[in-house]
Amino acid sequence: MIEFKPHRIDIAKEFSEIKNIPEILDNGYDKTPNPFTEKDAIEFINNEIGKKPEERFLIYWNNIKKRRIQIEC
């Protein structure tokens, strides 16, 4: 099952690991720091928390985080 979930501080370490996957860093469209540290993840997540409407979500498949999606409003 696929679910969209909001960003949370408790996944910052895992989020930073995913953002350091070479294919993600090579994309470069969002000016991701390289390397993307846990501190970067916490800063990013804190900027996302509380946005209304929410613009970015994490994609989970069978309760495993796979990707991130941004919705343009």
PDB file of N, CA and C in Angstrom:
ATOM      1  N   MET A   1       0.840  -1.165   0.000  1.00  0.00           N
ATOM      2  CA  MET A   1       0.000   0.000   0.000  1.00  0.00           C
ATOM      3  C   MET A   1       0.899   1.246   0.000  1.00  0.00           C
ATOM      4  N   ILE A   2       0.544   2.238  -0.774  1.00  0.00           N
ATOM      5  CA  ILE A   2       1.271   3.500  -0.847  1.00  0.00           C
ATOM      6  C   ILE A   2       0.555   4.534   0.018  1.00  0.00           C
ATOM      7  N   GLU A   3       1.340   5.263   0.816  1.00  0.00           N
ATOM      8  CA  GLU A   3       0.798   6.327   1.656  1.00  0.00           C
ATOM      9  C   GLU A   3       1.659   7.575   1.508  1.00  0.00           C
ATOM     10  N   PHE A   4       1.048   8.745   1.622  1.00  0.00           N
ATOM     11  CA  PHE A   4       1.755  10.014   1.697  1.00  0.00           C
ATOM     12  C   PHE A   4       1.705  10.470   3.142  1.00  0.00           C
ATOM     13  N   LYS A   5       2.882  10.761   3.731  1.00  0.00           N
ATOM     14  CA  LYS A   5       2.933  11.181   5.125  1.00  0.00           C
ATOM     15  C   LYS A   5       3.716  12.484   5.223  1.00  0.00           C
ATOM     16  N   PRO A   6       3.385  13.314   6.224  1.00  0.00           N
ATOM     17  CA  PRO A   6       4.111  14.573   6.407  1.00  0.00           C
ATOM     18  C   PRO A   6       5.512  14.311   6.971  1.00  0.00           C
ATOM     19  N   HIS A   7       6.383  15.295   6.840  1.00  0.00           N
ATOM     20  CA  HIS A   7       7.726  15.210   7.411  1.00  0.00           C
ATOM     21  C   HIS A   7       7.636  15.274   8.933  1.00  0.00           C
ATOM     22  N   ARG A   8       8.549  14.546   9.594  1.00  0.00           N
ATOM     23  CA  ARG A   8       8.615  14.540  11.059  1.00  0.00           C
ATOM     24  C   ARG A   8      10.084  14.574  11.479  1.00  0.00           C
ATOM     25  N   ILE A   9      10.365  15.232  12.583  1.00  0.00           N
ATOM     26  CA  ILE A   9      11.738  15.342  13.084  1.00  0.00           C
ATOM     27  C   ILE A   9      12.333  13.968  13.385  1.00  0.00           C
ATOM     28  N   ASP A  10      11.540  13.028  13.860  1.00  0.00           N
ATOM     29  CA  ASP A  10      12.088  11.732  14.267  1.00  0.00           C
ATOM     30  C   ASP A  10      12.633  10.904  13.098  1.00  0.00           C
ATOM     31  N   ILE A  11      12.425  11.321  11.864  1.00  0.00           N
ATOM     32  CA  ILE A  11      12.977  10.587  10.721  1.00  0.00           C
ATOM     33  C   ILE A  11      14.138  11.355  10.075  1.00  0.00           C
ATOM     34  N   ALA A  12      14.680  12.375  10.756  1.00  0.00           N
ATOM     35  CA  ALA A  12      15.727  13.212  10.163  1.00  0.00           C
ATOM     36  C   ALA A  12      16.954  12.407   9.752  1.00  0.00           C
ATOM     37  N   LYS A  13      17.403  11.481  10.569  1.00  0.00           N
ATOM     38  CA  LYS A  13      18.593  10.689  10.243  1.00  0.00           C
ATOM     39  C   LYS A  13      18.343   9.859   8.988  1.00  0.00           C
ATOM     40  N   GLU A  14      17.212   9.165   8.944  1.00  0.00           N
ATOM     41  CA  GLU A  14      16.866   8.350   7.776  1.00  0.00           C
ATOM     42  C   GLU A  14      16.699   9.226   6.530  1.00  0.00           C
ATOM     43  N   PHE A  15      16.083  10.386   6.692  1.00  0.00           N
ATOM     44  CA  PHE A  15      15.885  11.304   5.577  1.00  0.00           C
ATOM     45  C   PHE A  15      17.228  11.766   5.015  1.00  0.00           C
ATOM     46  N   SER A  16      18.185  12.072   5.908  1.00  0.00           N
ATOM     47  CA  SER A  16      19.502  12.509   5.436  1.00  0.00           C
ATOM     48  C   SER A  16      20.205  11.394   4.678  1.00  0.00           C
ATOM     49  N   GLU A  17      20.028  10.149   5.100  1.00  0.00           N
ATOM     50  CA  GLU A  17      20.640   9.017   4.397  1.00  0.00           C
ATOM     51  C   GLU A  17      20.053   8.867   2.994  1.00  0.00           C
ATOM     52  N   ILE A  18      18.750   9.023   2.879  1.00  0.00           N
ATOM     53  CA  ILE A  18      18.104   8.910   1.565  1.00  0.00           C
ATOM     54  C   ILE A  18      18.562  10.045   0.652  1.00  0.00           C
ATOM     55  N   LYS A  19      18.669  11.256   1.200  1.00  0.00           N
ATOM     56  CA  LYS A  19      19.078  12.403   0.377  1.00  0.00           C
ATOM     57  C   LYS A  19      20.516  12.276  -0.122  1.00  0.00           C
ATOM     58  N   ASN A  20      21.318  11.410   0.475  1.00  0.00           N
ATOM     59  CA  ASN A  20      22.703  11.219   0.050  1.00  0.00           C
ATOM     60  C   ASN A  20      22.866  10.113  -0.987  1.00  0.00           C
ATOM     61  N   ILE A  21      21.789   9.528  -1.439  1.00  0.00           N
ATOM     62  CA  ILE A  21      21.863   8.544  -2.521  1.00  0.00           C
ATOM     63  C   ILE A  21      22.332   9.290  -3.769  1.00  0.00           C
ATOM     64  N   PRO A  22      23.358   8.773  -4.474  1.00  0.00           N
ATOM     65  CA  PRO A  22      23.931   9.499  -5.614  1.00  0.00           C
ATOM     66  C   PRO A  22      22.901   9.980  -6.643  1.00  0.00           C
ATOM     67  N   GLU A  23      21.892   9.178  -6.925  1.00  0.00           N
ATOM     68  CA  GLU A  23      20.885   9.593  -7.908  1.00  0.00           C
ATOM     69  C   GLU A  23      20.098  10.805  -7.439  1.00  0.00           C
ATOM     70  N   ILE A  24      19.901  10.914  -6.135  1.00  0.00           N
ATOM     71  CA  ILE A  24      19.190  12.069  -5.582  1.00  0.00           C
ATOM     72  C   ILE A  24      20.087  13.306  -5.667  1.00  0.00           C
ATOM     73  N   LEU A  25      21.353  13.158  -5.254  1.00  0.00           N
ATOM     74  CA  LEU A  25      22.275  14.294  -5.299  1.00  0.00           C
ATOM     75  C   LEU A  25      22.524  14.760  -6.726  1.00  0.00           C
ATOM     76  N   ASP A  26      22.589  13.814  -7.682  1.00  0.00           N
ATOM     77  CA  ASP A  26      22.839  14.169  -9.084  1.00  0.00           C
ATOM     78  C   ASP A  26      21.700  14.961  -9.699  1.00  0.00           C
ATOM     79  N   ASN A  27      20.496  14.812  -9.138  1.00  0.00           N
ATOM     80  CA  ASN A  27      19.343  15.527  -9.670  1.00  0.00           C
ATOM     81  C   ASN A  27      19.592  17.028  -9.603  1.00  0.00           C
ATOM     82  N   GLY A  28      20.011  17.516  -8.436  1.00  0.00           N
ATOM     83  CA  GLY A  28      20.446  18.893  -8.281  1.00  0.00           C
ATOM     84  C   GLY A  28      19.404  19.970  -8.441  1.00  0.00           C
ATOM     85  N   TYR A  29      18.168  19.636  -8.758  1.00  0.00           N
ATOM     86  CA  TYR A  29      17.170  20.672  -9.005  1.00  0.00           C
ATOM     87  C   TYR A  29      16.818  21.457  -7.756  1.00  0.00           C
ATOM     88  N   ASP A  30      16.982  20.856  -6.584  1.00  0.00           N
ATOM     89  CA  ASP A  30      16.591  21.570  -5.363  1.00  0.00           C
ATOM     90  C   ASP A  30      17.794  22.066  -4.560  1.00  0.00           C
ATOM     91  N   LYS A  31      18.963  22.113  -5.198  1.00  0.00           N
ATOM     92  CA  LYS A  31      20.175  22.654  -4.577  1.00  0.00           C
ATOM     93  C   LYS A  31      20.480  21.982  -3.238  1.00  0.00           C
ATOM     94  N   THR A  32      20.391  20.673  -3.224  1.00  0.00           N
ATOM     95  CA  THR A  32      20.641  19.884  -2.032  1.00  0.00           C
ATOM     96  C   THR A  32      22.107  19.988  -1.613  1.00  0.00           C
ATOM     97  N   PRO A  33      22.380  20.283  -0.332  1.00  0.00           N
ATOM     98  CA  PRO A  33      23.766  20.279   0.132  1.00  0.00           C
ATOM     99  C   PRO A  33      24.397  18.895  -0.071  1.00  0.00           C
ATOM    100  N   ASN A  34      25.689  18.878  -0.310  1.00  0.00           N
ATOM    101  CA  ASN A  34      26.376  17.607  -0.534  1.00  0.00           C
ATOM    102  C   ASN A  34      27.636  17.596   0.323  1.00  0.00           C
ATOM    103  N   PRO A  35      27.722  16.768   1.335  1.00  0.00           N
ATOM    104  CA  PRO A  35      26.726  15.776   1.758  1.00  0.00           C
ATOM    105  C   PRO A  35      25.561  16.435   2.497  1.00  0.00           C
ATOM    106  N   PHE A  36      24.428  15.762   2.468  1.00  0.00           N
ATOM    107  CA  PHE A  36      23.224  16.216   3.156  1.00  0.00           C
ATOM    108  C   PHE A  36      23.255  15.601   4.547  1.00  0.00           C
ATOM    109  N   THR A  37      23.511  16.418   5.561  1.00  0.00           N
ATOM    110  CA  THR A  37      23.708  15.918   6.919  1.00  0.00           C
ATOM    111  C   THR A  37      22.387  15.813   7.682  1.00  0.00           C
ATOM    112  N   GLU A  38      22.460  15.171   8.828  1.00  0.00           N
ATOM    113  CA  GLU A  38      21.275  15.107   9.682  1.00  0.00           C
ATOM    114  C   GLU A  38      20.857  16.510  10.116  1.00  0.00           C
ATOM    115  N   LYS A  39      21.830  17.401  10.338  1.00  0.00           N
ATOM    116  CA  LYS A  39      21.527  18.797  10.675  1.00  0.00           C
ATOM    117  C   LYS A  39      20.763  19.460   9.524  1.00  0.00           C
ATOM    118  N   ASP A  40      21.179  19.201   8.264  1.00  0.00           N
ATOM    119  CA  ASP A  40      20.450  19.727   7.101  1.00  0.00           C
ATOM    120  C   ASP A  40      19.027  19.199   7.083  1.00  0.00           C
ATOM    121  N   ALA A  41      18.877  17.909   7.402  1.00  0.00           N
ATOM    122  CA  ALA A  41      17.544  17.291   7.403  1.00  0.00           C
ATOM    123  C   ALA A  41      16.647  17.933   8.453  1.00  0.00           C
ATOM    124  N   ILE A  42      17.200  18.160   9.640  1.00  0.00           N
ATOM    125  CA  ILE A  42      16.402  18.784  10.709  1.00  0.00           C
ATOM    126  C   ILE A  42      15.971  20.186  10.302  1.00  0.00           C
ATOM    127  N   GLU A  43      16.881  20.940   9.712  1.00  0.00           N
ATOM    128  CA  GLU A  43      16.546  22.299   9.255  1.00  0.00           C
ATOM    129  C   GLU A  43      15.458  22.249   8.176  1.00  0.00           C
ATOM    130  N   PHE A  44      15.609  21.342   7.215  1.00  0.00           N
ATOM    131  CA  PHE A  44      14.618  21.213   6.147  1.00  0.00           C
ATOM    132  C   PHE A  44      13.254  20.827   6.718  1.00  0.00           C
ATOM    133  N   ILE A  45      13.243  19.817   7.580  1.00  0.00           N
ATOM    134  CA  ILE A  45      11.980  19.338   8.149  1.00  0.00           C
ATOM    135  C   ILE A  45      11.316  20.432   8.977  1.00  0.00           C
ATOM    136  N   ASN A  46      12.095  21.151   9.780  1.00  0.00           N
ATOM    137  CA  ASN A  46      11.523  22.255  10.571  1.00  0.00           C
ATOM    138  C   ASN A  46      10.881  23.309   9.678  1.00  0.00           C
ATOM    139  N   ASN A  47      11.446  23.536   8.498  1.00  0.00           N
ATOM    140  CA  ASN A  47      10.850  24.491   7.559  1.00  0.00           C
ATOM    141  C   ASN A  47       9.554  23.966   6.953  1.00  0.00           C
ATOM    142  N   GLU A  48       9.414  22.646   6.879  1.00  0.00           N
ATOM    143  CA  GLU A  48       8.210  22.045   6.289  1.00  0.00           C
ATOM    144  C   GLU A  48       7.072  21.902   7.285  1.00  0.00           C
ATOM    145  N   ILE A  49       7.421  21.661   8.548  1.00  0.00           N
ATOM    146  CA  ILE A  49       6.399  21.427   9.573  1.00  0.00           C
ATOM    147  C   ILE A  49       5.555  22.683   9.748  1.00  0.00           C
ATOM    148  N   GLY A  50       4.265  22.491   9.696  1.00  0.00           N
ATOM    149  CA  GLY A  50       3.359  23.593   9.945  1.00  0.00           C
ATOM    150  C   GLY A  50       2.945  24.378   8.713  1.00  0.00           C
ATOM    151  N   LYS A  51       3.518  24.080   7.545  1.00  0.00           N
ATOM    152  CA  LYS A  51       3.075  24.792   6.337  1.00  0.00           C
ATOM    153  C   LYS A  51       1.633  24.405   6.027  1.00  0.00           C
ATOM    154  N   LYS A  52       0.860  25.380   5.699  1.00  0.00           N
ATOM    155  CA  LYS A  52      -0.534  25.142   5.323  1.00  0.00           C
ATOM    156  C   LYS A  52      -0.815  25.843   4.015  1.00  0.00           C
ATOM    157  N   PRO A  53      -1.227  25.187   2.965  1.00  0.00           N
ATOM    158  CA  PRO A  53      -1.327  23.727   2.914  1.00  0.00           C
ATOM    159  C   PRO A  53       0.054  23.097   2.840  1.00  0.00           C
ATOM    160  N   GLU A  54       0.127  21.832   3.257  1.00  0.00           N
ATOM    161  CA  GLU A  54       1.392  21.127   3.167  1.00  0.00           C
ATOM    162  C   GLU A  54       1.782  21.001   1.695  1.00  0.00           C
ATOM    163  N   GLU A  55       3.067  21.178   1.403  1.00  0.00           N
ATOM    164  CA  GLU A  55       3.546  21.171   0.023  1.00  0.00           C
ATOM    165  C   GLU A  55       4.347  19.924  -0.319  1.00  0.00           C
ATOM    166  N   ARG A  56       4.993  19.322   0.672  1.00  0.00           N
ATOM    167  CA  ARG A  56       5.868  18.170   0.422  1.00  0.00           C
ATOM    168  C   ARG A  56       5.489  17.036   1.351  1.00  0.00           C
ATOM    169  N   PHE A  57       5.546  15.842   0.804  1.00  0.00           N
ATOM    170  CA  PHE A  57       5.191  14.647   1.551  1.00  0.00           C
ATOM    171  C   PHE A  57       6.229  13.564   1.321  1.00  0.00           C
ATOM    172  N   LEU A  58       6.305  12.644   2.262  1.00  0.00           N
ATOM    173  CA  LEU A  58       7.143  11.471   2.110  1.00  0.00           C
ATOM    174  C   LEU A  58       6.264  10.344   1.576  1.00  0.00           C
ATOM    175  N   ILE A  59       6.793   9.560   0.658  1.00  0.00           N
ATOM    176  CA  ILE A  59       6.059   8.452   0.083  1.00  0.00           C
ATOM    177  C   ILE A  59       6.510   7.168   0.757  1.00  0.00           C
ATOM    178  N   TYR A  60       5.557   6.460   1.338  1.00  0.00           N
ATOM    179  CA  TYR A  60       5.822   5.172   1.975  1.00  0.00           C
ATOM    180  C   TYR A  60       5.149   4.077   1.157  1.00  0.00           C
ATOM    181  N   TRP A  61       5.830   2.950   1.043  1.00  0.00           N
ATOM    182  CA  TRP A  61       5.250   1.778   0.396  1.00  0.00           C
ATOM    183  C   TRP A  61       5.386   0.626   1.378  1.00  0.00           C
ATOM    184  N   ASN A  62       4.273   0.044   1.764  1.00  0.00           N
ATOM    185  CA  ASN A  62       4.251  -1.003   2.785  1.00  0.00           C
ATOM    186  C   ASN A  62       4.988  -0.553   4.042  1.00  0.00           C
ATOM    187  N   ASN A  63       4.715   0.685   4.439  1.00  0.00           N
ATOM    188  CA  ASN A  63       5.252   1.317   5.645  1.00  0.00           C
ATOM    189  C   ASN A  63       6.765   1.523   5.611  1.00  0.00           C
ATOM    190  N   ILE A  64       7.369   1.525   4.422  1.00  0.00           N
ATOM    191  CA  ILE A  64       8.794   1.805   4.253  1.00  0.00           C
ATOM    192  C   ILE A  64       8.911   3.074   3.417  1.00  0.00           C
ATOM    193  N   LYS A  65       9.679   4.068   3.947  1.00  0.00           N
ATOM    194  CA  LYS A  65       9.823   5.326   3.225  1.00  0.00           C
ATOM    195  C   LYS A  65      10.638   5.097   1.965  1.00  0.00           C
ATOM    196  N   LYS A  66      10.113   5.569   0.831  1.00  0.00           N
ATOM    197  CA  LYS A  66      10.761   5.368  -0.453  1.00  0.00           C
ATOM    198  C   LYS A  66      11.225   6.665  -1.097  1.00  0.00           C
ATOM    199  N   ARG A  67      10.425   7.676  -1.077  1.00  0.00           N
ATOM    200  CA  ARG A  67      10.733   8.912  -1.817  1.00  0.00           C
ATOM    201  C   ARG A  67      10.044  10.085  -1.146  1.00  0.00           C
ATOM    202  N   ARG A  68      10.191  11.237  -1.800  1.00  0.00           N
ATOM    203  CA  ARG A  68       9.531  12.460  -1.361  1.00  0.00           C
ATOM    204  C   ARG A  68       8.846  13.057  -2.586  1.00  0.00           C
ATOM    205  N   ILE A  69       7.730  13.727  -2.362  1.00  0.00           N
ATOM    206  CA  ILE A  69       6.993  14.355  -3.445  1.00  0.00           C
ATOM    207  C   ILE A  69       6.666  15.783  -3.048  1.00  0.00           C
ATOM    208  N   GLN A  70       6.684  16.662  -4.026  1.00  0.00           N
ATOM    209  CA  GLN A  70       6.283  18.046  -3.787  1.00  0.00           C
ATOM    210  C   GLN A  70       5.043  18.326  -4.606  1.00  0.00           C
ATOM    211  N   ILE A  71       4.085  18.978  -3.995  1.00  0.00           N
ATOM    212  CA  ILE A  71       2.847  19.346  -4.672  1.00  0.00           C
ATOM    213  C   ILE A  71       2.865  20.847  -4.873  1.00  0.00           C
ATOM    214  N   GLU A  72       2.760  21.269  -6.116  1.00  0.00           N
ATOM    215  CA  GLU A  72       2.736  22.704  -6.433  1.00  0.00           C
ATOM    216  C   GLU A  72       1.342  23.237  -6.242  1.00  0.00           C
ATOM    217  N   CYS A  73       1.217  24.288  -5.429  1.00  0.00           N
ATOM    218  CA  CYS A  73      -0.104  24.876  -5.150  1.00  0.00           C
ATOM    219  C   CYS A  73      -0.315  26.100  -6.002  1.00  0.00           C
TER     220      CYS A  73
END
